[in-house]
């Protein structure tokens, strides 16, 4: 597996596929049983402290020092990276502002909600301005608005030249923030693909169509498989995006007033399901 630099790479696979193990190896916290790994050109087994200097690691579950305030918590990690006290405080305030926790700077960590602790953990990951981020389930415990904010934060890091490797079971979130996807299963890489060129293994694509007038008659006449889900909405099955575009063109040319046509589940979900179906075949 070779992951491109300067982009957001999604790690996708079923439970137990090895995603977290891979991230632990890359972060220099776990030695592989066999084989080797390099991150930023550095061997994380032989030179783990060098890796720690330019990699930011955010695990799914992380401990917090509950008696510290949010500001003190980040200052502590600044000190661990041997930052001068004034610089550490300045960086901590910058990061609290970045993750929208400035109003919690004096609050003890134990008073924060799960989602706020998650955002504080993301801020901690950025204390030493790493050039590579390894994020394991970063959206865990976040409400919908916080997830949108996290997605924007991840993309902002990418835009600043940071490489981000992120694992999550929320495929729609991954699809909206990622540039590439690496499929992992049973400890093996099943392929690394640009998000725009995902393999689907021939699996049908599903699209939701909403129209102001009759859409079922022209779909039926064209032989399109569909399911009615409400009086003005249907879900169709087609083989790819090009076929879906042809169907939309046919409907509008026949006077159907389509006001919405969106994929159901997204391309990443379809590619993941196609991979699993291939395993069962």
Protein backbone atom coordinates (compact mmCIF):
# COMPACT_ATOMS: atom_id res chain seq x y z
CA UNK A 1 0.00 0.00 0.00
CA UNK A 2 1.35 3.42 -0.96
CA UNK A 3 -0.66 6.48 0.07
CA UNK A 4 -0.35 9.82 -1.77
CA UNK A 5 1.00 12.83 0.19
CA UNK A 6 -0.81 16.11 0.67
CA UNK A 7 -4.30 14.63 0.41
CA UNK A 8 -7.05 13.13 2.57
CA UNK A 9 -7.02 9.33 2.37
CA UNK A 10 -9.91 7.31 3.77
CA UNK A 11 -9.26 3.87 5.24
CA UNK A 12 -12.34 1.74 4.63
CA UNK A 13 -12.97 -1.85 5.69
CA UNK A 14 -15.13 -4.04 7.93
CA UNK A 15 -14.56 -4.41 11.66
CA UNK A 16 -11.35 -6.27 12.38
CA UNK A 17 -9.88 -5.59 8.94
CA UNK A 18 -6.72 -3.97 10.34
CA UNK A 19 -7.41 -0.25 9.97
CA UNK A 20 -6.52 0.70 13.54
CA UNK A 21 -3.55 -1.68 13.55
CA UNK A 22 -2.21 0.05 10.43
CA UNK A 23 -2.61 3.48 12.02
CA UNK A 24 -0.86 2.30 15.21
CA UNK A 25 2.06 0.98 13.16
CA UNK A 26 2.34 4.21 11.16
CA UNK A 27 2.24 6.29 14.36
CA UNK A 28 5.17 4.36 15.84
CA UNK A 29 3.11 2.85 18.64
CA UNK A 30 3.02 -0.75 17.42
CA UNK A 31 5.66 -2.90 15.72
CA UNK A 32 4.46 -5.09 12.84
CA UNK A 33 4.81 -8.87 13.14
CA UNK A 34 6.35 -8.92 9.67
CA UNK A 35 6.99 -6.60 6.76
CA UNK A 36 7.82 -2.93 7.10
CA UNK A 37 6.29 0.55 7.02
CA UNK A 38 7.53 4.04 6.22
CA UNK A 39 5.81 7.31 6.98
CA UNK A 40 7.29 10.51 5.66
CA UNK A 41 10.23 8.35 4.58
CA UNK A 42 10.94 7.31 8.19
CA UNK A 43 10.81 3.82 9.73
CA UNK A 44 8.37 4.15 12.69
CA UNK A 45 9.89 1.10 14.41
CA UNK A 46 13.52 2.22 14.29
CA UNK A 47 12.89 5.97 14.73
CA UNK A 48 9.55 6.36 16.59
CA UNK A 49 10.40 9.66 18.28
CA UNK A 50 11.24 11.25 14.96
CA UNK A 51 7.87 10.05 13.65
CA UNK A 52 6.14 11.55 16.69
CA UNK A 53 7.69 14.93 15.84
CA UNK A 54 5.86 15.27 12.52
CA UNK A 55 2.82 12.96 12.93
CA UNK A 56 -0.37 13.82 14.78
CA UNK A 57 -2.23 10.74 16.10
CA UNK A 58 -5.86 10.81 17.24
CA UNK A 59 -7.11 7.43 18.52
CA UNK A 60 -10.75 6.44 18.72
CA UNK A 61 -10.60 6.47 22.52
CA UNK A 62 -8.13 8.69 24.33
CA UNK A 63 -7.62 9.63 27.94
CA UNK A 64 -7.96 13.14 29.29
CA UNK A 65 -6.61 14.75 32.43
CA UNK A 66 -9.95 15.67 33.92
CA UNK A 67 -8.59 18.04 36.57
CA UNK A 68 -6.98 20.27 33.94
CA UNK A 69 -8.81 23.00 32.08
CA UNK A 70 -9.07 22.76 28.30
CA UNK A 71 -6.32 25.36 27.94
CA UNK A 72 -4.05 23.58 30.43
CA UNK A 73 -4.64 20.28 28.65
CA UNK A 74 -3.29 21.66 25.38
CA UNK A 75 -0.47 23.52 27.16
CA UNK A 76 0.60 20.21 28.70
CA UNK A 77 1.08 18.66 25.28
CA UNK A 78 2.88 21.76 24.08
CA UNK A 79 5.32 21.26 26.97
CA UNK A 80 5.67 17.58 26.02
CA UNK A 81 6.82 18.74 22.59
CA UNK A 82 9.30 21.06 24.35
CA UNK A 83 7.58 24.26 23.22
CA UNK A 84 8.39 27.40 25.27
CA UNK A 85 5.61 28.23 27.73
CA UNK A 86 4.49 31.42 25.96
CA UNK A 87 4.42 29.68 22.58
CA UNK A 88 2.54 26.73 24.07
CA UNK A 89 -0.14 29.01 25.52
CA UNK A 90 -0.46 30.95 22.29
CA UNK A 91 -0.79 27.75 20.27
CA UNK A 92 -3.35 26.35 22.73
CA UNK A 93 -5.54 29.46 22.38
CA UNK A 94 -5.27 29.31 18.58
CA UNK A 95 -6.40 25.70 18.55
CA UNK A 96 -9.28 26.25 20.96
CA UNK A 97 -10.50 28.97 18.62
CA UNK A 98 -10.03 26.69 15.61
CA UNK A 99 -12.26 23.96 17.10
CA UNK A 100 -14.75 26.47 18.54
CA UNK A 101 -13.95 25.78 22.20
CA UNK A 102 -12.61 29.19 23.20
CA UNK A 103 -15.49 29.60 25.63
CA UNK A 104 -14.38 26.38 27.34
CA UNK A 105 -10.75 27.38 27.83
CA UNK A 106 -11.20 27.73 31.62
CA UNK A 107 -13.57 24.78 31.98
CA UNK A 108 -12.24 21.53 33.50
CA UNK A 109 -12.01 18.82 30.87
CA UNK A 110 -14.36 16.57 32.84
CA UNK A 111 -17.20 19.07 32.34
CA UNK A 112 -17.03 18.80 28.55
CA UNK A 113 -19.47 16.69 26.56
CA UNK A 114 -18.26 13.67 24.58
CA UNK A 115 -18.35 15.70 21.38
CA UNK A 116 -16.45 18.60 22.95
CA UNK A 117 -13.79 16.20 24.25
CA UNK A 118 -13.51 14.80 20.74
CA UNK A 119 -12.89 18.29 19.36
CA UNK A 120 -10.36 18.95 22.12
CA UNK A 121 -8.64 15.70 21.13
CA UNK A 122 -8.44 16.90 17.53
CA UNK A 123 -6.92 20.17 18.74
CA UNK A 124 -4.36 18.20 20.76
CA UNK A 125 -3.40 16.35 17.58
CA UNK A 126 -2.44 19.68 15.98
CA UNK A 127 -0.40 21.14 18.87
CA UNK A 128 3.00 20.58 17.23
CA UNK A 129 1.82 21.50 13.70
CA UNK A 130 2.31 18.00 12.24
CA UNK A 131 2.59 17.45 8.50
CA UNK A 132 0.78 14.10 8.69
CA UNK A 133 -2.43 13.35 10.62
CA UNK A 134 -3.64 9.86 11.51
CA UNK A 135 -7.27 9.97 12.65
CA UNK A 136 -9.15 6.93 13.95
CA UNK A 137 -12.93 7.50 14.09
CA UNK A 138 -12.58 11.28 14.64
CA UNK A 139 -16.34 11.90 14.22
CA UNK A 140 -17.27 9.54 17.06
CA UNK A 141 -19.65 11.27 19.47
CA UNK A 142 -20.08 14.38 17.33
CA UNK A 143 -23.48 15.87 16.50
CA UNK A 144 -24.29 16.68 12.84
CA UNK A 145 -23.09 20.29 13.06
CA UNK A 146 -19.84 19.25 14.75
CA UNK A 147 -19.29 16.64 12.03
CA UNK A 148 -19.58 19.32 9.37
CA UNK A 149 -17.10 21.46 11.30
CA UNK A 150 -14.71 18.50 11.59
CA UNK A 151 -14.95 17.84 7.87
CA UNK A 152 -14.09 21.47 7.18
CA UNK A 153 -11.16 21.30 9.62
CA UNK A 154 -9.77 18.20 7.91
CA UNK A 155 -10.08 19.79 4.47
CA UNK A 156 -8.43 22.95 5.78
CA UNK A 157 -5.46 20.90 6.98
CA UNK A 158 -5.27 19.31 3.52
CA UNK A 159 -5.33 22.73 1.88
CA UNK A 160 -2.37 23.72 4.07
CA UNK A 161 -0.36 20.78 2.74
CA UNK A 162 -1.01 18.28 5.54
CA UNK A 163 -1.52 14.63 4.63
CA UNK A 164 -4.52 13.15 6.45
CA UNK A 165 -5.23 9.42 6.82
CA UNK A 166 -8.66 8.90 8.39
CA UNK A 167 -10.58 5.79 9.37
CA UNK A 168 -14.31 5.89 10.00
CA UNK A 169 -17.42 3.74 9.66
CA UNK A 170 -19.43 6.82 8.60
CA UNK A 171 -18.89 6.38 4.86
CA UNK A 172 -20.90 9.44 3.84
CA UNK A 173 -18.62 11.61 5.99
CA UNK A 174 -15.52 10.02 4.51
CA UNK A 175 -16.81 10.56 1.00
CA UNK A 176 -17.32 14.26 1.60
CA UNK A 177 -13.83 14.88 3.05
CA UNK A 178 -11.55 12.44 1.21
CA UNK A 179 -9.56 12.56 -2.04
CA UNK A 180 -8.50 8.90 -2.10
CA UNK A 181 -9.80 5.72 -0.50
CA UNK A 182 -7.79 2.67 0.58
CA UNK A 183 -9.81 -0.52 1.01
CA UNK A 184 -8.53 -2.84 3.75
CA UNK A 185 -9.77 -6.34 4.53
CA UNK A 186 -8.30 -9.15 6.66
CA UNK A 187 -5.03 -7.28 7.05
CA UNK A 188 -4.59 -6.81 3.30
CA UNK A 189 -4.86 -3.76 1.08
CA UNK A 190 -7.55 -4.32 -1.54
CA UNK A 191 -6.66 -1.23 -3.53
CA UNK A 192 -6.10 2.53 -3.33
CA UNK A 193 -8.30 4.63 -5.62
CA UNK A 194 -9.06 8.29 -6.28
CA UNK A 195 -12.55 8.94 -4.96
CA UNK A 196 -13.66 9.96 -8.45
CA UNK A 197 -12.64 6.56 -9.87
CA UNK A 198 -14.11 4.11 -7.38
CA UNK A 199 -14.60 0.49 -8.47
CA UNK A 200 -18.15 -0.79 -8.16
CA UNK A 201 -17.73 -4.36 -9.34
CA UNK A 202 -20.85 -4.14 -11.48
CA UNK A 203 -23.11 -3.39 -8.48
CA UNK A 204 -26.26 -1.43 -9.28
CA UNK A 205 -26.31 2.25 -8.37
CA UNK A 206 -29.41 3.69 -6.70
CA UNK A 207 -30.72 7.24 -7.19
CA UNK A 208 -33.61 9.04 -5.54
CA UNK A 209 -35.79 11.08 -7.91
CA UNK A 210 -38.30 13.68 -6.80
CA UNK A 211 -40.68 15.18 -9.34
CA UNK A 212 -43.67 17.53 -9.38
CA UNK A 213 -45.65 15.36 -11.80
CA UNK A 214 -45.91 11.72 -12.89
CA UNK A 215 -42.48 10.07 -13.10
CA UNK A 216 -43.51 6.44 -12.85
CA UNK A 217 -45.14 6.08 -16.27
CA UNK A 218 -42.08 7.17 -18.31
CA UNK A 219 -39.76 5.10 -16.08
CA UNK A 220 -41.94 2.04 -16.58
CA UNK A 221 -42.06 2.64 -20.35
CA UNK A 222 -38.26 2.86 -20.45
CA UNK A 223 -37.88 -0.39 -18.52
CA UNK A 224 -36.17 1.27 -15.56
CA UNK A 225 -36.33 -0.62 -12.27
CA UNK A 226 -37.73 1.66 -9.56
CA UNK A 227 -39.34 1.67 -6.13
CA UNK A 228 -41.91 4.19 -5.03
CA UNK A 229 -41.03 5.57 -1.57
CA UNK A 230 -43.53 8.45 -1.36
CA UNK A 231 -46.16 10.09 -3.59
CA UNK A 232 -43.55 12.31 -5.28
CA UNK A 233 -40.37 10.23 -4.84
CA UNK A 234 -38.99 7.05 -6.40
CA UNK A 235 -35.67 5.23 -6.15
CA UNK A 236 -34.25 3.84 -9.38
CA UNK A 237 -31.50 1.30 -10.04
CA UNK A 238 -28.98 1.83 -12.82
CA UNK A 239 -25.49 0.64 -13.67
CA UNK A 240 -23.49 3.90 -13.46
CA UNK A 241 -23.60 7.70 -13.39
CA UNK A 242 -23.72 7.97 -17.18
CA UNK A 243 -26.81 5.77 -17.32
CA UNK A 244 -28.42 7.87 -14.57
CA UNK A 245 -27.73 11.02 -16.59
CA UNK A 246 -29.37 9.45 -19.64
CA UNK A 247 -32.46 8.59 -17.60
CA UNK A 248 -32.67 12.16 -16.28
CA UNK A 249 -32.37 13.55 -19.81
CA UNK A 250 -35.15 11.21 -21.02
CA UNK A 251 -37.47 12.24 -18.17
CA UNK A 252 -37.01 15.98 -18.71
CA UNK A 253 -37.44 15.61 -22.49
CA UNK A 254 -40.79 13.92 -21.80
CA UNK A 255 -42.00 16.78 -19.63
CA UNK A 256 -41.27 15.33 -16.19
CA UNK A 257 -40.53 18.21 -13.83
CA UNK A 258 -37.61 16.72 -11.86
CA UNK A 259 -36.56 18.84 -8.90
CA UNK A 260 -34.15 16.39 -7.28
CA UNK A 261 -31.99 13.46 -8.36
CA UNK A 262 -29.41 12.28 -5.86
CA UNK A 263 -27.42 9.08 -5.30
CA UNK A 264 -28.57 6.89 -2.43
CA UNK A 265 -25.73 5.76 -0.19
CA UNK A 266 -22.98 7.39 -2.23
CA UNK A 267 -20.26 5.94 -4.42
CA UNK A 268 -18.03 4.96 -1.51
CA UNK A 269 -20.77 2.87 0.09
CA UNK A 270 -21.45 1.17 -3.23
CA UNK A 271 -17.77 0.36 -3.74
CA UNK A 272 -17.47 -1.02 -0.20
CA UNK A 273 -20.55 -3.22 -0.63
CA UNK A 274 -19.24 -4.43 -3.99
CA UNK A 275 -15.96 -5.44 -2.31
CA UNK A 276 -17.81 -7.37 0.39
CA UNK A 277 -20.09 -9.05 -2.14
CA UNK A 278 -17.01 -10.12 -4.08
CA UNK A 279 -15.59 -11.70 -0.92
CA UNK A 280 -18.76 -13.72 -0.40
CA UNK A 281 -18.94 -14.85 -4.03
